[in-house]
N, C-alpha and C. Protein backbone atom coordinates (compact mmCIF):
# COMPACT_ATOMS: atom_id res chain seq x y z
N MET A 1 117.25 113.91 80.83
CA MET A 1 118.56 113.57 81.60
C MET A 1 118.60 111.94 81.32
N LEU A 2 120.21 111.50 81.47
CA LEU A 2 120.54 110.31 81.46
C LEU A 2 121.21 109.94 82.56
N LEU A 3 121.12 109.08 83.36
CA LEU A 3 121.64 108.62 84.64
C LEU A 3 122.39 107.41 84.21
N HIS A 4 123.75 107.26 84.50
CA HIS A 4 124.65 106.05 84.48
C HIS A 4 125.05 105.69 85.91
N GLY A 5 125.03 104.46 86.14
CA GLY A 5 125.51 103.89 87.44
C GLY A 5 125.12 102.61 87.81
N ASP A 6 125.02 102.11 89.09
CA ASP A 6 124.67 100.88 89.61
C ASP A 6 123.25 100.49 89.42
N PHE A 7 122.80 100.09 88.31
CA PHE A 7 121.51 99.66 88.00
C PHE A 7 121.20 98.28 87.55
N GLU A 8 122.54 97.35 87.82
CA GLU A 8 122.26 96.14 87.06
C GLU A 8 121.45 95.29 87.68
N THR A 9 120.99 95.22 89.13
CA THR A 9 120.15 94.46 89.90
C THR A 9 118.61 94.60 89.21
N SER A 10 118.43 95.90 88.73
CA SER A 10 117.03 96.22 88.22
C SER A 10 116.89 95.30 86.96
N PHE A 11 117.87 95.08 86.27
CA PHE A 11 117.59 94.15 85.08
C PHE A 11 117.82 92.68 85.30
N THR A 12 118.59 92.31 86.34
CA THR A 12 118.96 90.98 86.51
C THR A 12 118.13 90.18 87.59
N GLU A 13 117.58 91.24 88.71
CA GLU A 13 116.70 90.56 89.76
C GLU A 13 115.60 91.40 89.89
N ALA A 14 115.00 92.11 89.21
CA ALA A 14 113.89 92.83 89.20
C ALA A 14 113.76 93.71 90.46
N ASP A 15 114.90 94.15 90.75
CA ASP A 15 115.19 95.00 91.96
C ASP A 15 115.24 96.41 91.72
N ASN A 16 114.13 97.29 91.79
CA ASN A 16 114.16 98.74 91.47
C ASN A 16 114.53 99.62 92.65
N SER A 17 115.00 99.12 93.63
CA SER A 17 115.45 100.15 94.73
C SER A 17 116.56 101.14 94.34
N LYS A 18 117.18 100.92 93.32
CA LYS A 18 118.00 102.01 92.98
C LYS A 18 117.65 102.85 91.80
N ILE A 19 116.41 102.66 91.40
CA ILE A 19 115.84 103.37 90.22
C ILE A 19 115.27 104.66 90.53
N LEU A 20 115.54 105.79 90.11
CA LEU A 20 114.80 106.92 90.31
C LEU A 20 113.56 107.04 89.21
N PRO A 21 112.32 106.89 89.82
CA PRO A 21 111.14 106.91 88.71
C PRO A 21 111.32 108.24 87.83
N THR A 22 110.68 108.24 86.76
CA THR A 22 110.89 109.22 85.84
C THR A 22 109.88 110.23 86.19
N ASP A 23 108.79 110.12 87.04
CA ASP A 23 108.07 111.00 87.68
C ASP A 23 108.77 111.85 88.67
N THR A 24 109.83 111.19 89.36
CA THR A 24 110.68 111.85 90.32
C THR A 24 111.52 112.77 89.52
N MET A 25 112.12 112.18 88.33
CA MET A 25 113.02 112.88 87.52
C MET A 25 112.39 114.36 86.97
N LYS A 26 111.04 114.17 86.57
CA LYS A 26 110.44 115.44 86.06
C LYS A 26 110.18 116.50 87.24
N ASN A 27 109.82 115.86 88.40
CA ASN A 27 109.66 116.87 89.53
C ASN A 27 110.99 117.41 89.86
N THR A 28 112.04 116.71 90.00
CA THR A 28 113.23 117.17 90.22
C THR A 28 113.82 118.21 89.32
N VAL A 29 113.46 118.20 88.22
CA VAL A 29 113.78 119.37 87.30
C VAL A 29 112.96 120.62 87.49
N TYR A 30 111.57 120.49 88.03
CA TYR A 30 110.80 121.79 88.43
C TYR A 30 111.37 122.03 89.61
N TYR A 31 111.76 121.38 90.61
CA TYR A 31 112.25 121.72 91.94
C TYR A 31 113.65 122.46 91.86
N VAL A 32 114.53 121.98 90.96
CA VAL A 32 116.02 122.49 90.72
C VAL A 32 115.61 123.87 90.09
N ALA A 33 114.74 124.04 88.99
CA ALA A 33 114.42 125.22 88.25
C ALA A 33 113.97 126.32 89.20
N ARG A 34 113.04 125.77 90.11
CA ARG A 34 112.40 126.87 91.01
C ARG A 34 113.37 127.56 92.11
N GLU A 35 114.26 126.69 92.44
CA GLU A 35 115.44 127.10 93.33
C GLU A 35 116.71 127.58 92.59
N SER A 36 116.76 127.45 91.36
CA SER A 36 117.76 127.83 90.48
C SER A 36 118.21 129.41 90.51
N LYS A 37 119.63 129.63 90.48
CA LYS A 37 120.33 130.69 90.71
C LYS A 37 120.95 131.04 89.15
N ALA A 38 120.58 129.97 88.15
CA ALA A 38 121.34 130.06 86.85
C ALA A 38 120.78 131.12 85.89
N ALA A 39 121.93 131.88 85.29
CA ALA A 39 121.43 132.86 84.43
C ALA A 39 121.34 132.28 82.80
N THR A 40 121.78 131.03 82.66
CA THR A 40 121.97 130.61 81.40
C THR A 40 121.42 129.04 81.37
N ILE A 41 121.22 128.44 80.36
CA ILE A 41 120.88 127.15 80.20
C ILE A 41 121.99 126.18 80.75
N GLU A 42 123.18 126.45 80.32
CA GLU A 42 124.49 125.75 80.66
C GLU A 42 124.62 125.75 82.21
N GLU A 43 124.40 126.84 82.90
CA GLU A 43 124.43 126.88 84.26
C GLU A 43 123.56 125.94 85.00
N PHE A 44 122.12 126.11 84.49
CA PHE A 44 121.03 125.15 84.86
C PHE A 44 121.31 123.79 84.61
N ALA A 45 122.05 123.48 83.58
CA ALA A 45 122.20 121.99 83.31
C ALA A 45 123.31 121.31 84.32
N LYS A 46 124.10 122.17 84.76
CA LYS A 46 125.18 122.07 85.75
C LYS A 46 124.43 121.77 87.06
N GLU A 47 123.52 122.71 87.59
CA GLU A 47 122.76 122.68 88.76
C GLU A 47 121.99 121.49 88.86
N LEU A 48 121.22 121.07 87.91
CA LEU A 48 120.38 119.88 87.78
C LEU A 48 121.27 118.57 87.78
N GLY A 49 122.24 118.58 87.22
CA GLY A 49 123.25 117.37 87.30
C GLY A 49 123.91 117.27 88.63
N ASP A 50 124.28 118.24 89.25
CA ASP A 50 124.94 118.33 90.53
C ASP A 50 123.97 117.75 91.41
N TYR A 51 122.84 118.21 91.16
CA TYR A 51 121.76 117.87 92.38
C TYR A 51 121.51 116.29 92.37
N LEU A 52 121.46 115.86 91.08
CA LEU A 52 121.15 114.39 90.80
C LEU A 52 122.46 113.62 91.24
N LEU A 53 123.59 113.87 91.06
CA LEU A 53 124.88 113.19 91.62
C LEU A 53 124.95 113.38 93.09
N SER A 54 124.50 114.57 93.65
CA SER A 54 124.60 114.75 95.11
C SER A 54 123.61 113.84 96.00
N ASN A 55 122.45 113.61 95.15
CA ASN A 55 121.36 113.01 95.99
C ASN A 55 121.14 111.47 95.69
N ASN A 56 121.74 110.82 94.89
CA ASN A 56 121.73 109.59 94.14
C ASN A 56 122.95 108.69 94.10
N PRO A 57 123.33 108.35 95.43
CA PRO A 57 124.69 107.59 95.35
C PRO A 57 125.06 106.57 94.47
N GLN A 58 123.92 105.92 93.83
CA GLN A 58 123.95 104.88 92.68
C GLN A 58 124.35 105.52 91.40
N VAL A 59 124.23 106.81 91.41
CA VAL A 59 124.36 107.52 89.96
C VAL A 59 126.06 107.84 90.11
N SER A 60 126.60 107.37 88.91
CA SER A 60 128.05 107.77 88.82
C SER A 60 128.29 108.70 87.67
N LYS A 61 127.35 109.18 86.88
CA LYS A 61 127.39 109.91 85.72
C LYS A 61 126.04 110.50 85.29
N VAL A 62 126.03 111.71 84.95
CA VAL A 62 124.78 112.29 84.36
C VAL A 62 125.09 112.90 83.14
N SER A 63 124.16 112.73 82.24
CA SER A 63 124.16 113.73 81.06
C SER A 63 122.74 114.48 80.97
N ILE A 64 122.97 115.81 80.79
CA ILE A 64 121.65 116.65 80.80
C ILE A 64 121.67 117.39 79.68
N GLU A 65 120.49 117.27 78.79
CA GLU A 65 120.29 118.02 77.72
C GLU A 65 119.36 118.95 77.79
N VAL A 66 119.41 120.19 77.37
CA VAL A 66 118.41 121.30 77.63
C VAL A 66 118.38 122.07 76.33
N ALA A 67 117.16 122.23 75.76
CA ALA A 67 116.98 123.06 74.61
C ALA A 67 115.86 124.32 75.05
N GLU A 68 116.24 125.43 74.42
CA GLU A 68 115.38 126.62 74.99
C GLU A 68 115.07 127.23 73.62
N LYS A 69 113.68 127.57 73.61
CA LYS A 69 113.27 128.52 72.56
C LYS A 69 113.18 130.04 72.86
N SER A 70 113.25 130.84 72.01
CA SER A 70 113.07 132.08 72.21
C SER A 70 111.65 132.52 72.19
N TRP A 71 111.40 133.50 73.24
CA TRP A 71 109.86 134.04 73.16
C TRP A 71 109.96 135.45 73.27
N GLU A 72 109.11 136.20 72.76
CA GLU A 72 109.01 137.69 72.53
C GLU A 72 107.72 138.13 72.93
N ARG A 73 107.73 139.29 73.75
CA ARG A 73 106.49 139.95 74.12
C ARG A 73 105.93 140.36 73.08
N MET A 74 104.40 140.22 72.86
CA MET A 74 103.72 140.85 71.67
C MET A 74 103.36 142.14 72.01
N SER A 75 103.35 143.06 70.99
CA SER A 75 102.78 144.24 71.02
C SER A 75 101.35 144.29 70.85
N VAL A 76 100.49 144.88 71.67
CA VAL A 76 99.13 144.96 71.51
C VAL A 76 98.64 146.35 71.54
N ASP A 77 98.06 147.02 70.60
CA ASP A 77 97.54 148.39 70.50
C ASP A 77 98.80 149.24 70.86
N GLY A 78 99.98 149.10 70.32
CA GLY A 78 101.27 149.75 70.46
C GLY A 78 102.16 149.86 71.88
N SER A 79 101.56 149.04 72.51
CA SER A 79 102.42 148.64 73.80
C SER A 79 102.72 147.16 74.13
N SER A 80 103.73 147.01 74.71
CA SER A 80 104.15 145.53 75.06
C SER A 80 103.28 144.91 76.13
N GLU A 81 102.76 143.78 75.67
CA GLU A 81 101.70 143.07 76.49
C GLU A 81 102.50 142.17 77.45
N GLN A 82 102.17 142.29 78.58
CA GLN A 82 102.95 141.59 79.66
C GLN A 82 102.66 140.15 79.80
N THR A 83 101.54 139.62 79.47
CA THR A 83 101.21 138.27 79.47
C THR A 83 101.19 137.59 78.29
N THR A 84 101.39 138.08 76.97
CA THR A 84 101.14 137.60 75.73
C THR A 84 102.56 137.61 75.05
N PHE A 85 102.73 136.39 74.50
CA PHE A 85 104.18 136.17 73.82
C PHE A 85 103.91 135.30 72.54
N LYS A 86 104.93 135.71 71.59
CA LYS A 86 105.04 134.84 70.47
C LYS A 86 106.29 134.18 70.42
N LEU A 87 106.38 133.12 69.56
CA LEU A 87 107.73 132.39 69.34
C LEU A 87 108.63 133.20 68.65
N GLY A 88 110.00 133.46 69.04
CA GLY A 88 110.86 134.39 68.34
C GLY A 88 111.29 133.85 66.99
N GLY A 89 111.49 132.38 66.95
CA GLY A 89 111.91 131.80 65.63
C GLY A 89 111.97 130.49 65.98
N PRO A 90 112.29 129.66 64.71
CA PRO A 90 112.32 128.10 64.88
C PRO A 90 113.61 127.69 65.74
N GLU A 91 114.58 128.50 65.67
CA GLU A 91 115.75 127.94 66.40
C GLU A 91 115.58 127.76 67.85
N LYS A 92 116.59 126.70 68.29
CA LYS A 92 116.76 126.43 69.80
C LYS A 92 118.11 126.60 70.25
N GLN A 93 118.29 127.53 71.33
CA GLN A 93 119.53 127.28 71.85
C GLN A 93 119.64 125.96 72.67
N THR A 94 120.81 125.31 72.57
CA THR A 94 120.93 124.00 73.31
C THR A 94 122.27 123.71 73.97
N VAL A 95 122.21 122.95 74.94
CA VAL A 95 123.34 122.45 75.67
C VAL A 95 123.19 120.82 76.36
N VAL A 96 124.25 120.38 76.06
CA VAL A 96 124.70 118.99 76.57
C VAL A 96 125.62 119.08 77.50
N ALA A 97 125.33 118.58 78.73
CA ALA A 97 126.26 118.68 79.93
C ALA A 97 126.30 117.55 80.55
N VAL A 98 127.70 116.94 80.52
CA VAL A 98 128.09 115.67 81.12
C VAL A 98 128.98 115.77 82.17
N ARG A 99 128.91 114.88 83.20
CA ARG A 99 129.79 114.89 84.31
C ARG A 99 129.73 113.39 84.89
N GLU A 100 131.05 112.84 85.37
CA GLU A 100 131.18 111.92 85.98
C GLU A 100 131.30 112.38 87.60
N LYS A 101 130.76 111.66 88.59
CA LYS A 101 130.82 111.95 89.86
C LYS A 101 131.96 112.68 90.18
N SER A 102 132.99 112.07 90.16
CA SER A 102 134.32 112.95 90.52
C SER A 102 135.09 113.76 89.56
N GLY A 103 134.46 114.00 88.55
CA GLY A 103 135.02 114.68 87.30
C GLY A 103 134.57 116.06 87.07
N PRO A 104 135.19 116.87 86.14
CA PRO A 104 134.83 118.15 85.67
C PRO A 104 133.50 118.07 84.68
N TRP A 105 132.74 119.09 84.67
CA TRP A 105 131.77 119.13 83.71
C TRP A 105 132.30 119.18 82.29
N SER A 106 131.83 118.64 81.09
CA SER A 106 132.09 118.78 79.75
C SER A 106 130.87 119.56 79.37
N ILE A 107 130.90 120.75 78.72
CA ILE A 107 129.83 121.43 78.46
C ILE A 107 129.73 121.69 76.59
N THR A 108 128.91 121.26 75.86
CA THR A 108 128.56 121.57 74.44
C THR A 108 127.48 122.40 74.34
N SER A 109 127.43 123.50 73.86
CA SER A 109 126.29 124.32 73.60
C SER A 109 126.21 124.61 71.95
N GLY A 110 125.05 124.93 71.76
CA GLY A 110 124.73 125.20 70.37
C GLY A 110 123.39 126.08 69.97
N ILE A 111 123.31 125.94 68.76
CA ILE A 111 121.87 126.54 68.23
C ILE A 111 121.49 125.67 67.13
N ASP A 112 120.24 125.03 67.29
CA ASP A 112 119.75 124.21 66.46
C ASP A 112 118.59 124.78 65.59
N GLY A 113 118.72 124.72 64.18
CA GLY A 113 117.62 125.23 63.36
C GLY A 113 117.64 126.69 62.96
N LEU A 114 118.70 127.22 63.11
CA LEU A 114 118.88 128.81 62.77
C LEU A 114 118.49 128.95 61.30
N THR A 115 117.45 129.59 60.88
CA THR A 115 117.15 129.92 59.61
C THR A 115 117.70 131.32 59.17
N ILE A 116 118.42 131.34 58.12
CA ILE A 116 119.02 132.61 57.66
C ILE A 116 118.57 132.98 56.44
N LEU A 117 118.34 133.93 55.85
CA LEU A 117 117.95 134.47 54.51
C LEU A 117 118.95 135.81 54.22
N LYS A 118 119.70 135.77 53.30
CA LYS A 118 120.33 136.99 52.68
C LYS A 118 119.76 137.29 51.31
N THR A 119 119.17 138.39 51.16
CA THR A 119 118.32 138.80 50.01
C THR A 119 119.32 139.38 48.86
N THR A 120 120.48 139.77 49.26
CA THR A 120 121.41 140.25 48.26
C THR A 120 122.78 140.31 48.84
N LYS A 121 124.05 140.69 47.86
CA LYS A 121 125.18 140.75 48.23
C LYS A 121 125.79 139.30 48.75
N SER A 122 125.42 138.27 48.24
CA SER A 122 125.99 136.96 48.38
C SER A 122 126.62 136.57 47.09
N ALA A 123 127.83 135.95 47.22
CA ALA A 123 128.39 135.62 45.75
C ALA A 123 128.75 134.19 46.03
N PHE A 124 128.76 133.48 44.86
CA PHE A 124 129.22 132.17 44.75
C PHE A 124 130.06 131.98 43.55
N THR A 125 131.45 132.26 43.62
CA THR A 125 132.15 131.95 42.37
C THR A 125 133.56 131.28 42.78
N GLY A 126 134.08 130.99 41.83
CA GLY A 126 135.52 130.15 41.96
C GLY A 126 135.44 128.78 42.33
N TYR A 127 134.19 128.26 41.98
CA TYR A 127 134.18 126.70 42.39
C TYR A 127 134.44 125.86 41.35
N ILE A 128 134.56 124.46 41.58
CA ILE A 128 135.00 123.70 40.69
C ILE A 128 134.03 123.47 39.49
N LYS A 129 134.54 123.62 38.06
CA LYS A 129 133.83 123.54 36.99
C LYS A 129 134.25 122.23 36.16
N ASP A 130 133.23 121.33 35.95
CA ASP A 130 133.42 120.24 35.05
C ASP A 130 132.40 120.04 34.11
N LYS A 131 132.34 119.08 33.22
CA LYS A 131 131.17 118.73 32.43
C LYS A 131 129.98 118.65 32.81
N LEU A 132 129.69 118.47 34.22
CA LEU A 132 128.41 118.25 34.85
C LEU A 132 128.00 119.59 35.44
N THR A 133 128.73 120.57 35.63
CA THR A 133 128.21 121.97 36.16
C THR A 133 127.51 122.66 35.21
N THR A 134 126.43 123.26 35.67
CA THR A 134 125.56 123.95 34.74
C THR A 134 125.40 125.33 35.56
N LEU A 135 125.62 125.37 36.95
CA LEU A 135 125.46 126.71 37.72
C LEU A 135 126.53 127.84 36.92
N LYS A 136 125.85 128.82 36.86
CA LYS A 136 126.56 130.06 36.64
C LYS A 136 127.27 130.94 37.82
N PRO A 137 128.53 131.27 37.62
CA PRO A 137 128.79 132.14 38.91
C PRO A 137 128.15 133.40 39.07
N ALA A 138 127.81 133.88 40.31
CA ALA A 138 127.03 134.85 40.62
C ALA A 138 127.68 135.78 41.78
N THR A 139 127.56 137.19 41.48
CA THR A 139 128.37 137.98 42.51
C THR A 139 127.22 138.60 43.33
N ASP A 140 125.86 138.44 43.13
CA ASP A 140 124.91 139.19 43.77
C ASP A 140 123.74 138.07 43.65
N ARG A 141 123.54 137.42 44.73
CA ARG A 141 122.36 136.47 44.64
C ARG A 141 121.62 136.25 45.86
N ILE A 142 120.63 135.46 46.04
CA ILE A 142 119.76 135.26 47.32
C ILE A 142 120.58 134.11 48.02
N PHE A 143 120.62 134.09 49.15
CA PHE A 143 121.28 133.03 49.86
C PHE A 143 120.48 132.54 51.09
N GLY A 144 120.02 131.31 51.23
CA GLY A 144 119.24 130.78 52.33
C GLY A 144 119.62 129.40 52.85
N THR A 145 119.59 129.27 54.21
CA THR A 145 120.11 128.17 54.83
C THR A 145 119.51 128.06 56.19
N CYS A 146 119.62 126.69 56.60
CA CYS A 146 119.26 126.43 58.02
C CYS A 146 120.44 125.80 58.60
N ALA A 147 120.96 126.48 59.72
CA ALA A 147 122.06 125.97 60.27
C ALA A 147 122.05 125.37 61.67
N THR A 148 122.86 124.20 62.01
CA THR A 148 122.90 123.85 63.30
C THR A 148 124.41 123.80 63.75
N VAL A 149 124.66 124.57 64.79
CA VAL A 149 126.01 124.62 65.17
C VAL A 149 126.33 124.29 66.67
N THR A 150 127.41 123.73 67.02
CA THR A 150 127.74 123.45 68.33
C THR A 150 129.10 123.87 68.60
N TRP A 151 129.41 124.12 69.88
CA TRP A 151 130.70 124.33 70.29
C TRP A 151 131.05 123.90 71.76
N ASP A 152 132.41 123.63 72.11
CA ASP A 152 132.60 123.06 73.25
C ASP A 152 133.43 124.26 74.07
N TYR A 153 133.19 124.16 75.39
CA TYR A 153 133.92 125.29 76.24
C TYR A 153 135.21 124.58 76.70
N ALA A 154 136.30 125.22 76.43
CA ALA A 154 137.59 124.67 76.93
C ALA A 154 137.81 124.85 78.49
N SER A 155 137.39 126.16 78.80
CA SER A 155 137.44 126.42 80.35
C SER A 155 136.73 125.78 81.23
N THR A 156 136.98 125.74 82.58
CA THR A 156 136.24 124.76 83.35
C THR A 156 135.32 125.70 83.90
N ALA A 157 135.44 127.05 83.97
CA ALA A 157 134.33 127.98 84.48
C ALA A 157 134.23 129.30 83.50
N PRO A 158 133.80 129.14 82.41
CA PRO A 158 133.46 130.14 81.45
C PRO A 158 132.31 130.87 81.85
N ASP A 159 132.30 132.22 81.68
CA ASP A 159 131.09 133.09 81.48
C ASP A 159 130.09 132.72 80.61
N TYR A 160 129.11 131.73 80.64
CA TYR A 160 128.26 131.64 79.62
C TYR A 160 127.48 132.54 79.28
N ALA A 161 126.95 133.35 80.11
CA ALA A 161 126.19 134.54 79.83
C ALA A 161 126.67 135.48 78.90
N ARG A 162 128.08 135.54 79.06
CA ARG A 162 128.93 136.48 78.26
C ARG A 162 128.96 136.12 76.70
N PHE A 163 129.10 134.69 76.79
CA PHE A 163 129.06 133.98 75.39
C PHE A 163 127.61 134.23 74.80
N ALA A 164 126.63 133.95 75.33
CA ALA A 164 125.14 134.05 74.91
C ALA A 164 124.87 135.44 74.40
N ARG A 165 125.45 136.53 74.94
CA ARG A 165 125.18 137.86 74.82
C ARG A 165 126.30 138.25 73.46
N ALA A 166 127.39 137.69 73.40
CA ALA A 166 128.08 137.86 72.15
C ALA A 166 127.40 137.22 70.97
N SER A 167 126.71 136.08 71.07
CA SER A 167 126.25 135.62 69.84
C SER A 167 124.89 135.72 69.71
N SER A 168 124.24 136.76 70.38
CA SER A 168 122.93 137.21 70.30
C SER A 168 122.78 138.21 69.13
N PRO A 169 121.75 138.09 68.44
CA PRO A 169 121.54 139.00 67.16
C PRO A 169 121.30 140.68 67.63
N ASP A 170 121.04 140.70 68.86
CA ASP A 170 120.63 142.04 69.22
C ASP A 170 121.92 143.02 69.85
N CYS A 171 123.09 142.14 69.90
CA CYS A 171 124.36 142.76 70.13
C CYS A 171 124.91 143.61 69.20
């Protein structure tokens, strides 16, 4: 979280009376998470930011960044183990939520570090060829990449969970 607001006297007069300690920030995240009704990280970021704006009159703007890794239950002896998990992959779902105290939320969501491997049926043809080109056109090749993508929500109240389901590989 990044808080913007009336903090000048902290720097000019050594007056920390408007400073929210980082320990309190950490505990605020835990408190809001415990009380949260959010189904998505976008909704959680907004809940956290609204809490900070409502409870800190010196804060005029918040920027909340959340990253979530996917965890899957492990199978032990052929059945799903209730208390054992493995990392689903290296990618993270991300969100940056920004709001001025009297303004609407600006939400940018994304996926960071999505690793993709296509072992066949990937073509690369029709590209520029000049005296330095040595690559031969291919209609069936291996393709691998690591992608980071972001998107902004245009609506003021989108269904974040619907968008998350639409982009899920299980859909």
